Amino acid sequence: MADIVLNVEVRERTGTGGARDARREGKVPGVLYGGTQAPVAIAVRANEFRKALYTGKLLGHLVTLKHGSETQPVIAKAIQVHPVTDEPIHFDLYRVDAHQQIKISVPVHFTNHEASPGIKRGGTLNIVAHEIELLCPADQIPEELSYDLDGLDIGDAIRVSAFALPAGVLATADPEFVVAIIAGSSAQASEEAGEGEEGSEAAGS
């Protein structure tokens, strides 16, 4: 089951005024969506919400919503933060069943940069997509998808199909979609092109 428990209160006032009132009371306003029930305006005490947010396991993960003696699994799908203070100012939760199949984007992470011959030669890792959308049970969402760059040279592409996925988890994107590529600099490209021309001239002489 989820590691994080959010103790919520139901907000009587909705809209901008209700959200402003909640913030004045030291709470973060939010809305609970999903399922067959209507949306509900809720709030969580700001210190509790910040603590959950800073674990890194709130957004995009299964968490437990608690209201009085009632609990239910939810997914935190959107969190708004203040543009200056980075303090959370609003959030959206979605009702789910713990084993329900859901679509959710998971971050990608690349390791072993130092073991890539292409990067050693001055190439760079160009990341096209920082997340991959997955179809998976709500209680089995991966923290991240990791790829080892060991052995990759300039020009090598990392596609969706290259990522190892847990059992029961599928990527919704085209398996051939390029997530990242080891790219060389323009100077390297000119140098390699020059070497190719020299080789052609030598072969023709």
C-alpha atoms as a PDB file:
ATOM      1  CA  MET A   1       0.000   0.000   0.000  1.00  0.00           C
ATOM      2  CA  ALA A   2       1.043   3.610  -0.318  1.00  0.00           C
ATOM      3  CA  ASP A   3       3.716   4.978   2.028  1.00  0.00           C
ATOM      4  CA  ILE A   4       2.259   8.499   2.229  1.00  0.00           C
ATOM      5  CA  VAL A   5      -0.951   9.355   4.075  1.00  0.00           C
ATOM      6  CA  LEU A   6      -2.590  12.754   3.521  1.00  0.00           C
ATOM      7  CA  ASN A   7      -5.047  13.863   6.187  1.00  0.00           C
ATOM      8  CA  VAL A   8      -7.566  16.010   4.349  1.00  0.00           C
ATOM      9  CA  GLU A   9     -10.369  18.326   5.338  1.00  0.00           C
ATOM     10  CA  VAL A  10     -13.377  19.077   3.144  1.00  0.00           C
ATOM     11  CA  ARG A  11     -13.556  22.770   2.203  1.00  0.00           C
ATOM     12  CA  GLU A  12     -16.982  24.379   2.439  1.00  0.00           C
ATOM     13  CA  ARG A  13     -16.047  27.254   0.154  1.00  0.00           C
ATOM     14  CA  THR A  14     -14.869  26.514  -3.382  1.00  0.00           C
ATOM     15  CA  GLY A  15     -13.324  28.665  -6.074  1.00  0.00           C
ATOM     16  CA  THR A  16     -10.626  31.309  -5.695  1.00  0.00           C
ATOM     17  CA  GLY A  17     -12.055  32.712  -2.467  1.00  0.00           C
ATOM     18  CA  GLY A  18     -12.196  29.333  -0.787  1.00  0.00           C
ATOM     19  CA  ALA A  19      -8.627  28.519  -1.852  1.00  0.00           C
ATOM     20  CA  ARG A  20      -7.425  31.866  -0.509  1.00  0.00           C
ATOM     21  CA  ASP A  21      -9.150  31.211   2.822  1.00  0.00           C
ATOM     22  CA  ALA A  22      -7.466  27.810   3.092  1.00  0.00           C
ATOM     23  CA  ARG A  23      -4.020  29.317   2.507  1.00  0.00           C
ATOM     24  CA  ARG A  24      -4.641  31.970   5.148  1.00  0.00           C
ATOM     25  CA  GLU A  25      -5.382  29.144   7.592  1.00  0.00           C
ATOM     26  CA  GLY A  26      -2.039  27.480   6.839  1.00  0.00           C
ATOM     27  CA  LYS A  27      -3.430  24.838   4.491  1.00  0.00           C
ATOM     28  CA  VAL A  28      -2.880  23.848   0.872  1.00  0.00           C
ATOM     29  CA  PRO A  29      -6.163  23.738  -1.091  1.00  0.00           C
ATOM     30  CA  GLY A  30      -6.877  20.962  -3.567  1.00  0.00           C
ATOM     31  CA  VAL A  31      -9.559  19.069  -5.440  1.00  0.00           C
ATOM     32  CA  LEU A  32     -10.366  15.352  -5.418  1.00  0.00           C
ATOM     33  CA  TYR A  33     -11.522  14.062  -8.809  1.00  0.00           C
ATOM     34  CA  GLY A  34     -12.252  10.764 -10.510  1.00  0.00           C
ATOM     35  CA  GLY A  35     -14.455   7.722 -10.184  1.00  0.00           C
ATOM     36  CA  THR A  36     -18.225   7.980 -10.203  1.00  0.00           C
ATOM     37  CA  GLN A  37     -18.365  10.686  -7.525  1.00  0.00           C
ATOM     38  CA  ALA A  38     -18.412  14.432  -8.003  1.00  0.00           C
ATOM     39  CA  PRO A  39     -15.274  16.528  -7.423  1.00  0.00           C
ATOM     40  CA  VAL A  40     -14.697  17.520  -3.794  1.00  0.00           C
ATOM     41  CA  ALA A  41     -12.829  20.615  -2.581  1.00  0.00           C
ATOM     42  CA  ILE A  42     -10.303  19.569   0.072  1.00  0.00           C
ATOM     43  CA  ALA A  43      -7.298  20.933   1.951  1.00  0.00           C
ATOM     44  CA  VAL A  44      -4.212  19.566   3.721  1.00  0.00           C
ATOM     45  CA  ARG A  45      -2.213  21.339   6.416  1.00  0.00           C
ATOM     46  CA  ALA A  46       0.715  23.059   4.680  1.00  0.00           C
ATOM     47  CA  ASN A  47       3.463  21.544   6.854  1.00  0.00           C
ATOM     48  CA  GLU A  48       2.102  18.035   6.293  1.00  0.00           C
ATOM     49  CA  PHE A  49       1.765  18.597   2.559  1.00  0.00           C
ATOM     50  CA  ARG A  50       5.313  19.979   2.259  1.00  0.00           C
ATOM     51  CA  LYS A  51       6.682  16.989   4.165  1.00  0.00           C
ATOM     52  CA  ALA A  52       4.929  14.594   1.775  1.00  0.00           C
ATOM     53  CA  LEU A  53       6.015  16.582  -1.282  1.00  0.00           C
ATOM     54  CA  TYR A  54       9.681  16.677  -0.288  1.00  0.00           C
ATOM     55  CA  THR A  55       9.855  12.881  -0.028  1.00  0.00           C
ATOM     56  CA  GLY A  56       9.699  12.831  -3.824  1.00  0.00           C
ATOM     57  CA  LYS A  57       7.003  10.152  -3.598  1.00  0.00           C
ATOM     58  CA  LEU A  58       3.899  12.302  -3.801  1.00  0.00           C
ATOM     59  CA  LEU A  59       3.447  13.488  -7.370  1.00  0.00           C
ATOM     60  CA  GLY A  60       2.551  10.646  -9.714  1.00  0.00           C
ATOM     61  CA  HIS A  61       2.431   8.025  -6.972  1.00  0.00           C
ATOM     62  CA  LEU A  62      -0.242   6.105  -5.140  1.00  0.00           C
ATOM     63  CA  VAL A  63      -0.955   7.743  -1.776  1.00  0.00           C
ATOM     64  CA  THR A  64      -3.571   7.211   0.899  1.00  0.00           C
ATOM     65  CA  LEU A  65      -6.143   9.937   1.441  1.00  0.00           C
ATOM     66  CA  LYS A  66      -7.573   9.967   4.965  1.00  0.00           C
ATOM     67  CA  HIS A  67     -10.691  11.848   6.013  1.00  0.00           C
ATOM     68  CA  GLY A  68     -11.715  11.047   9.577  1.00  0.00           C
ATOM     69  CA  SER A  69     -11.866   7.260   9.807  1.00  0.00           C
ATOM     70  CA  GLU A  70     -12.222   6.798   6.038  1.00  0.00           C
ATOM     71  CA  THR A  71      -9.297   6.089   3.749  1.00  0.00           C
ATOM     72  CA  GLN A  72      -8.957   5.582   0.016  1.00  0.00           C
ATOM     73  CA  PRO A  73      -6.114   5.266  -2.517  1.00  0.00           C
ATOM     74  CA  VAL A  74      -5.532   8.268  -4.763  1.00  0.00           C
ATOM     75  CA  ILE A  75      -2.973   9.482  -7.281  1.00  0.00           C
ATOM     76  CA  ALA A  76      -1.478  12.972  -6.989  1.00  0.00           C
ATOM     77  CA  LYS A  77      -1.431  14.143 -10.607  1.00  0.00           C
ATOM     78  CA  ALA A  78      -0.845  17.896 -10.411  1.00  0.00           C
ATOM     79  CA  ILE A  79       0.789  20.206  -7.891  1.00  0.00           C
ATOM     80  CA  GLN A  80       1.061  23.966  -8.386  1.00  0.00           C
ATOM     81  CA  VAL A  81       3.834  25.888  -6.632  1.00  0.00           C
ATOM     82  CA  HIS A  82       4.321  29.605  -6.088  1.00  0.00           C
ATOM     83  CA  PRO A  83       6.614  31.006  -8.841  1.00  0.00           C
ATOM     84  CA  VAL A  84       8.785  32.884  -6.332  1.00  0.00           C
ATOM     85  CA  THR A  85       8.737  30.880  -3.094  1.00  0.00           C
ATOM     86  CA  ASP A  86       8.239  27.385  -4.595  1.00  0.00           C
ATOM     87  CA  GLU A  87       5.690  26.753  -1.844  1.00  0.00           C
ATOM     88  CA  PRO A  88       2.827  24.408  -2.874  1.00  0.00           C
ATOM     89  CA  ILE A  89      -0.372  26.391  -3.454  1.00  0.00           C
ATOM     90  CA  HIS A  90      -2.775  23.861  -5.023  1.00  0.00           C
ATOM     91  CA  PHE A  91      -3.012  20.159  -5.852  1.00  0.00           C
ATOM     92  CA  ASP A  92      -5.216  17.686  -7.704  1.00  0.00           C
ATOM     93  CA  LEU A  93      -5.887  14.136  -6.502  1.00  0.00           C
ATOM     94  CA  TYR A  94      -7.602  11.378  -8.497  1.00  0.00           C
ATOM     95  CA  ARG A  95      -9.535   8.487  -7.013  1.00  0.00           C
ATOM     96  CA  VAL A  96      -8.280   5.054  -8.099  1.00  0.00           C
ATOM     97  CA  ASP A  97      -8.469   1.435  -7.095  1.00  0.00           C
ATOM     98  CA  ALA A  98      -5.096   0.180  -5.826  1.00  0.00           C
ATOM     99  CA  HIS A  99      -4.885  -2.397  -8.644  1.00  0.00           C
ATOM    100  CA  GLN A 100      -6.528  -0.271 -11.332  1.00  0.00           C
ATOM    101  CA  GLN A 101      -4.648   0.100 -14.627  1.00  0.00           C
ATOM    102  CA  ILE A 102      -3.733   3.744 -15.124  1.00  0.00           C
ATOM    103  CA  LYS A 103      -1.695   5.823 -17.543  1.00  0.00           C
ATOM    104  CA  ILE A 104       1.016   7.871 -15.903  1.00  0.00           C
ATOM    105  CA  SER A 105       4.292   9.493 -16.958  1.00  0.00           C
ATOM    106  CA  VAL A 106       7.453   8.328 -15.184  1.00  0.00           C
ATOM    107  CA  PRO A 107      10.825  10.153 -15.322  1.00  0.00           C
ATOM    108  CA  VAL A 108      13.799   8.619 -17.143  1.00  0.00           C
ATOM    109  CA  HIS A 109      17.285   8.567 -15.641  1.00  0.00           C
ATOM    110  CA  PHE A 110      20.622   7.812 -17.309  1.00  0.00           C
ATOM    111  CA  THR A 111      23.603   6.319 -15.485  1.00  0.00           C
ATOM    112  CA  ASN A 112      27.280   5.543 -16.204  1.00  0.00           C
ATOM    113  CA  HIS A 113      27.983   8.626 -18.313  1.00  0.00           C
ATOM    114  CA  GLU A 114      31.711   8.081 -17.713  1.00  0.00           C
ATOM    115  CA  ALA A 115      31.536   4.630 -19.352  1.00  0.00           C
ATOM    116  CA  SER A 116      30.197   5.964 -22.667  1.00  0.00           C
ATOM    117  CA  PRO A 117      32.930   6.137 -25.369  1.00  0.00           C
ATOM    118  CA  GLY A 118      30.908   8.802 -27.177  1.00  0.00           C
ATOM    119  CA  ILE A 119      30.755  11.089 -24.149  1.00  0.00           C
ATOM    120  CA  LYS A 120      34.452  10.463 -23.454  1.00  0.00           C
ATOM    121  CA  ARG A 121      35.213  11.759 -26.969  1.00  0.00           C
ATOM    122  CA  GLY A 122      33.325  14.971 -26.294  1.00  0.00           C
ATOM    123  CA  GLY A 123      29.829  13.928 -27.276  1.00  0.00           C
ATOM    124  CA  THR A 124      26.784  14.939 -25.292  1.00  0.00           C
ATOM    125  CA  LEU A 125      23.659  13.134 -24.161  1.00  0.00           C
ATOM    126  CA  ASN A 126      20.723  14.872 -25.841  1.00  0.00           C
ATOM    127  CA  ILE A 127      17.519  13.925 -24.018  1.00  0.00           C
ATOM    128  CA  VAL A 128      14.445  14.172 -26.243  1.00  0.00           C
ATOM    129  CA  ALA A 129      11.906  13.011 -23.641  1.00  0.00           C
ATOM    130  CA  HIS A 130      12.396  13.314 -19.884  1.00  0.00           C
ATOM    131  CA  GLU A 131       9.402  11.065 -19.160  1.00  0.00           C
ATOM    132  CA  ILE A 132       7.802   7.953 -20.641  1.00  0.00           C
ATOM    133  CA  GLU A 133       4.081   7.322 -20.299  1.00  0.00           C
ATOM    134  CA  LEU A 134       3.287   3.906 -18.859  1.00  0.00           C
ATOM    135  CA  LEU A 135       0.189   1.764 -18.452  1.00  0.00           C
ATOM    136  CA  CYS A 136       0.474  -0.006 -15.119  1.00  0.00           C
ATOM    137  CA  PRO A 137      -1.379  -0.966 -11.914  1.00  0.00           C
ATOM    138  CA  ALA A 138      -1.751   2.035  -9.596  1.00  0.00           C
ATOM    139  CA  ASP A 139       0.138   0.220  -6.829  1.00  0.00           C
ATOM    140  CA  GLN A 140       3.079  -0.719  -9.078  1.00  0.00           C
ATOM    141  CA  ILE A 141       4.173   2.624 -10.506  1.00  0.00           C
ATOM    142  CA  PRO A 142       7.989   2.614 -10.979  1.00  0.00           C
ATOM    143  CA  GLU A 143       9.901   5.434  -9.272  1.00  0.00           C
ATOM    144  CA  GLU A 144      11.827   6.014 -12.508  1.00  0.00           C
ATOM    145  CA  LEU A 145      13.104   4.237 -15.617  1.00  0.00           C
ATOM    146  CA  SER A 146      16.878   3.912 -15.721  1.00  0.00           C
ATOM    147  CA  TYR A 147      19.253   3.276 -18.649  1.00  0.00           C
ATOM    148  CA  ASP A 148      22.977   2.441 -18.476  1.00  0.00           C
ATOM    149  CA  LEU A 149      25.058   4.417 -21.005  1.00  0.00           C
ATOM    150  CA  ASP A 150      27.994   1.965 -20.827  1.00  0.00           C
ATOM    151  CA  GLY A 151      29.362   1.322 -24.344  1.00  0.00           C
ATOM    152  CA  LEU A 152      27.279   3.929 -26.186  1.00  0.00           C
ATOM    153  CA  ASP A 153      29.092   5.916 -28.878  1.00  0.00           C
ATOM    154  CA  ILE A 154      28.292   9.057 -30.827  1.00  0.00           C
ATOM    155  CA  GLY A 155      25.214   8.492 -32.972  1.00  0.00           C
ATOM    156  CA  ASP A 156      23.757   5.770 -30.754  1.00  0.00           C
ATOM    157  CA  ALA A 157      20.074   6.291 -29.963  1.00  0.00           C
ATOM    158  CA  ILE A 158      18.170   5.094 -26.904  1.00  0.00           C
ATOM    159  CA  ARG A 159      14.626   4.110 -27.817  1.00  0.00           C
ATOM    160  CA  VAL A 160      11.578   3.382 -25.668  1.00  0.00           C
ATOM    161  CA  SER A 161      12.064  -0.343 -26.312  1.00  0.00           C
ATOM    162  CA  ALA A 162      15.524  -0.189 -24.687  1.00  0.00           C
ATOM    163  CA  PHE A 163      14.126   0.436 -21.203  1.00  0.00           C
ATOM    164  CA  ALA A 164      13.510  -2.599 -19.012  1.00  0.00           C
ATOM    165  CA  LEU A 165       9.979  -2.449 -17.621  1.00  0.00           C
ATOM    166  CA  PRO A 166       8.637  -4.318 -14.579  1.00  0.00           C
ATOM    167  CA  ALA A 167       6.255  -7.205 -15.141  1.00  0.00           C
ATOM    168  CA  GLY A 168       2.749  -5.993 -15.931  1.00  0.00           C
ATOM    169  CA  VAL A 169       3.943  -2.545 -17.001  1.00  0.00           C
ATOM    170  CA  LEU A 170       3.697  -1.355 -20.625  1.00  0.00           C
ATOM    171  CA  ALA A 171       4.900   1.782 -22.384  1.00  0.00           C
ATOM    172  CA  THR A 172       2.181   3.555 -24.358  1.00  0.00           C
ATOM    173  CA  ALA A 173       4.624   5.223 -26.778  1.00  0.00           C
ATOM    174  CA  ASP A 174       5.947   3.755 -30.037  1.00  0.00           C
ATOM    175  CA  PRO A 175       8.769   1.319 -29.098  1.00  0.00           C
ATOM    176  CA  GLU A 176      10.969   2.996 -31.761  1.00  0.00           C
ATOM    177  CA  PHE A 177      10.493   6.498 -30.359  1.00  0.00           C
ATOM    178  CA  VAL A 178      13.931   8.005 -29.577  1.00  0.00           C
ATOM    179  CA  VAL A 179      14.177   9.076 -25.934  1.00  0.00           C
ATOM    180  CA  ALA A 180      17.818  10.225 -26.093  1.00  0.00           C
ATOM    181  CA  ILE A 181      20.846  10.169 -28.386  1.00  0.00           C
ATOM    182  CA  ILE A 182      24.610  10.539 -27.984  1.00  0.00           C
ATOM    183  CA  ALA A 183      25.338  13.530 -30.210  1.00  0.00           C
ATOM    184  CA  GLY A 184      28.725  14.797 -31.374  1.00  0.00           C
ATOM    185  CA  SER A 185      29.768  18.429 -31.741  1.00  0.00           C
ATOM    186  CA  SER A 186      29.795  20.145 -35.131  1.00  0.00           C
ATOM    187  CA  ALA A 187      33.605  20.195 -34.956  1.00  0.00           C
ATOM    188  CA  GLN A 188      33.678  16.432 -34.516  1.00  0.00           C
ATOM    189  CA  ALA A 189      31.277  15.962 -37.407  1.00  0.00           C
ATOM    190  CA  SER A 190      33.483  18.111 -39.690  1.00  0.00           C
ATOM    191  CA  GLU A 191      36.601  16.258 -38.572  1.00  0.00           C
ATOM    192  CA  GLU A 192      35.042  12.847 -39.205  1.00  0.00           C
ATOM    193  CA  ALA A 193      33.734  14.008 -42.596  1.00  0.00           C
ATOM    194  CA  GLY A 194      37.225  15.209 -43.496  1.00  0.00           C
ATOM    195  CA  GLU A 195      38.719  11.878 -42.502  1.00  0.00           C
ATOM    196  CA  GLY A 196      36.165  10.131 -44.707  1.00  0.00           C
ATOM    197  CA  GLU A 197      37.100  12.289 -47.705  1.00  0.00           C
ATOM    198  CA  GLU A 198      40.798  11.628 -47.149  1.00  0.00           C
ATOM    199  CA  GLY A 199      40.098   7.910 -47.051  1.00  0.00           C
ATOM    200  CA  SER A 200      38.165   8.132 -50.329  1.00  0.00           C
ATOM    201  CA  GLU A 201      40.974  10.056 -52.043  1.00  0.00           C
ATOM    202  CA  ALA A 202      43.559   7.534 -50.852  1.00  0.00           C
ATOM    203  CA  ALA A 203      41.467   4.680 -52.166  1.00  0.00           C
ATOM    204  CA  GLY A 204      41.051   6.398 -55.545  1.00  0.00           C
ATOM    205  CA  SER A 205      44.772   7.179 -56.017  1.00  0.00           C
END
